[in-house]
């Protein structure tokens, strides 16, 4: 068995000290990409579509962490 600094299990990343730092960094990275994408298309699509994209890209990532915490 080899030792690693962090491990992803069921979509959640926890490090060897049972801290969430890697998970939080992962969510921030994904959220930044999603926000950038939404900003770039907001002039071209209806607000209802933007909300669906937000829900798909950002909401569930943060919801999962809130439930686990």
C-alpha atoms as a PDB file:
ATOM      1  CA  UNK A   1       0.000   0.000   0.000  1.00  0.00           C
ATOM      2  CA  UNK A   2       1.390   3.399  -0.910  1.00  0.00           C
ATOM      3  CA  UNK A   3       0.921   6.646   1.000  1.00  0.00           C
ATOM      4  CA  UNK A   4      -0.521   9.692  -0.742  1.00  0.00           C
ATOM      5  CA  UNK A   5      -1.023  13.258   0.394  1.00  0.00           C
ATOM      6  CA  UNK A   6      -4.679  13.350  -0.658  1.00  0.00           C
ATOM      7  CA  UNK A   7      -7.284  11.015  -2.077  1.00  0.00           C
ATOM      8  CA  UNK A   8     -10.535  11.447  -3.934  1.00  0.00           C
ATOM      9  CA  UNK A   9     -13.352   9.143  -2.923  1.00  0.00           C
ATOM     10  CA  UNK A  10     -16.949   9.532  -4.125  1.00  0.00           C
ATOM     11  CA  UNK A  11     -16.038  12.935  -5.573  1.00  0.00           C
ATOM     12  CA  UNK A  12     -14.665  14.293  -2.294  1.00  0.00           C
ATOM     13  CA  UNK A  13     -10.973  15.045  -1.821  1.00  0.00           C
ATOM     14  CA  UNK A  14      -9.533  14.679   1.676  1.00  0.00           C
ATOM     15  CA  UNK A  15      -5.864  14.898   2.550  1.00  0.00           C
ATOM     16  CA  UNK A  16      -3.833  12.755   4.929  1.00  0.00           C
ATOM     17  CA  UNK A  17      -4.708  15.055   7.847  1.00  0.00           C
ATOM     18  CA  UNK A  18      -8.449  14.840   7.068  1.00  0.00           C
ATOM     19  CA  UNK A  19      -8.538  18.463   5.914  1.00  0.00           C
ATOM     20  CA  UNK A  20     -10.692  19.805   3.093  1.00  0.00           C
ATOM     21  CA  UNK A  21      -8.132  22.194   1.553  1.00  0.00           C
ATOM     22  CA  UNK A  22      -7.727  20.217  -1.684  1.00  0.00           C
ATOM     23  CA  UNK A  23     -11.507  19.851  -2.026  1.00  0.00           C
ATOM     24  CA  UNK A  24     -12.044  23.574  -1.518  1.00  0.00           C
ATOM     25  CA  UNK A  25      -9.345  24.412  -4.064  1.00  0.00           C
ATOM     26  CA  UNK A  26     -10.970  22.025  -6.534  1.00  0.00           C
ATOM     27  CA  UNK A  27     -14.370  23.686  -6.069  1.00  0.00           C
ATOM     28  CA  UNK A  28     -12.884  27.176  -6.412  1.00  0.00           C
ATOM     29  CA  UNK A  29     -11.179  26.158  -9.646  1.00  0.00           C
ATOM     30  CA  UNK A  30     -14.339  24.629 -11.124  1.00  0.00           C
ATOM     31  CA  UNK A  31     -16.440  27.583  -9.974  1.00  0.00           C
ATOM     32  CA  UNK A  32     -14.066  30.110 -11.529  1.00  0.00           C
ATOM     33  CA  UNK A  33     -14.250  28.322 -14.857  1.00  0.00           C
ATOM     34  CA  UNK A  34     -18.046  28.151 -14.663  1.00  0.00           C
ATOM     35  CA  UNK A  35     -18.393  31.828 -13.751  1.00  0.00           C
ATOM     36  CA  UNK A  36     -16.087  32.796 -16.602  1.00  0.00           C
ATOM     37  CA  UNK A  37     -18.160  30.783 -19.034  1.00  0.00           C
ATOM     38  CA  UNK A  38     -21.414  32.304 -17.773  1.00  0.00           C
ATOM     39  CA  UNK A  39     -19.966  35.813 -18.029  1.00  0.00           C
ATOM     40  CA  UNK A  40     -18.887  35.245 -21.591  1.00  0.00           C
ATOM     41  CA  UNK A  41     -22.329  34.065 -22.783  1.00  0.00           C
ATOM     42  CA  UNK A  42     -24.635  36.208 -20.616  1.00  0.00           C
ATOM     43  CA  UNK A  43     -25.364  38.669 -23.451  1.00  0.00           C
ATOM     44  CA  UNK A  44     -26.389  35.935 -25.845  1.00  0.00           C
ATOM     45  CA  UNK A  45     -28.674  33.624 -23.874  1.00  0.00           C
ATOM     46  CA  UNK A  46     -31.806  34.169 -21.776  1.00  0.00           C
ATOM     47  CA  UNK A  47     -31.502  34.519 -18.015  1.00  0.00           C
ATOM     48  CA  UNK A  48     -33.394  31.261 -17.511  1.00  0.00           C
ATOM     49  CA  UNK A  49     -30.704  29.440 -19.476  1.00  0.00           C
ATOM     50  CA  UNK A  50     -27.967  31.114 -17.432  1.00  0.00           C
ATOM     51  CA  UNK A  51     -29.667  29.916 -14.266  1.00  0.00           C
ATOM     52  CA  UNK A  52     -29.773  26.346 -15.579  1.00  0.00           C
ATOM     53  CA  UNK A  53     -26.082  26.515 -16.443  1.00  0.00           C
ATOM     54  CA  UNK A  54     -25.309  27.946 -12.996  1.00  0.00           C
ATOM     55  CA  UNK A  55     -27.242  25.136 -11.358  1.00  0.00           C
ATOM     56  CA  UNK A  56     -25.484  22.523 -13.430  1.00  0.00           C
ATOM     57  CA  UNK A  57     -21.940  23.877 -13.041  1.00  0.00           C
ATOM     58  CA  UNK A  58     -21.774  25.580  -9.663  1.00  0.00           C
ATOM     59  CA  UNK A  59     -24.673  24.902  -7.349  1.00  0.00           C
ATOM     60  CA  UNK A  60     -24.246  21.154  -6.986  1.00  0.00           C
ATOM     61  CA  UNK A  61     -20.505  21.401  -6.322  1.00  0.00           C
ATOM     62  CA  UNK A  62     -21.102  23.659  -3.342  1.00  0.00           C
ATOM     63  CA  UNK A  63     -24.195  21.773  -2.196  1.00  0.00           C
ATOM     64  CA  UNK A  64     -22.302  18.492  -1.926  1.00  0.00           C
ATOM     65  CA  UNK A  65     -19.738  20.084   0.378  1.00  0.00           C
ATOM     66  CA  UNK A  66     -22.426  21.739   2.509  1.00  0.00           C
ATOM     67  CA  UNK A  67     -24.139  18.378   2.983  1.00  0.00           C
ATOM     68  CA  UNK A  68     -20.911  16.599   3.862  1.00  0.00           C
ATOM     69  CA  UNK A  69     -19.760  19.296   6.234  1.00  0.00           C
END
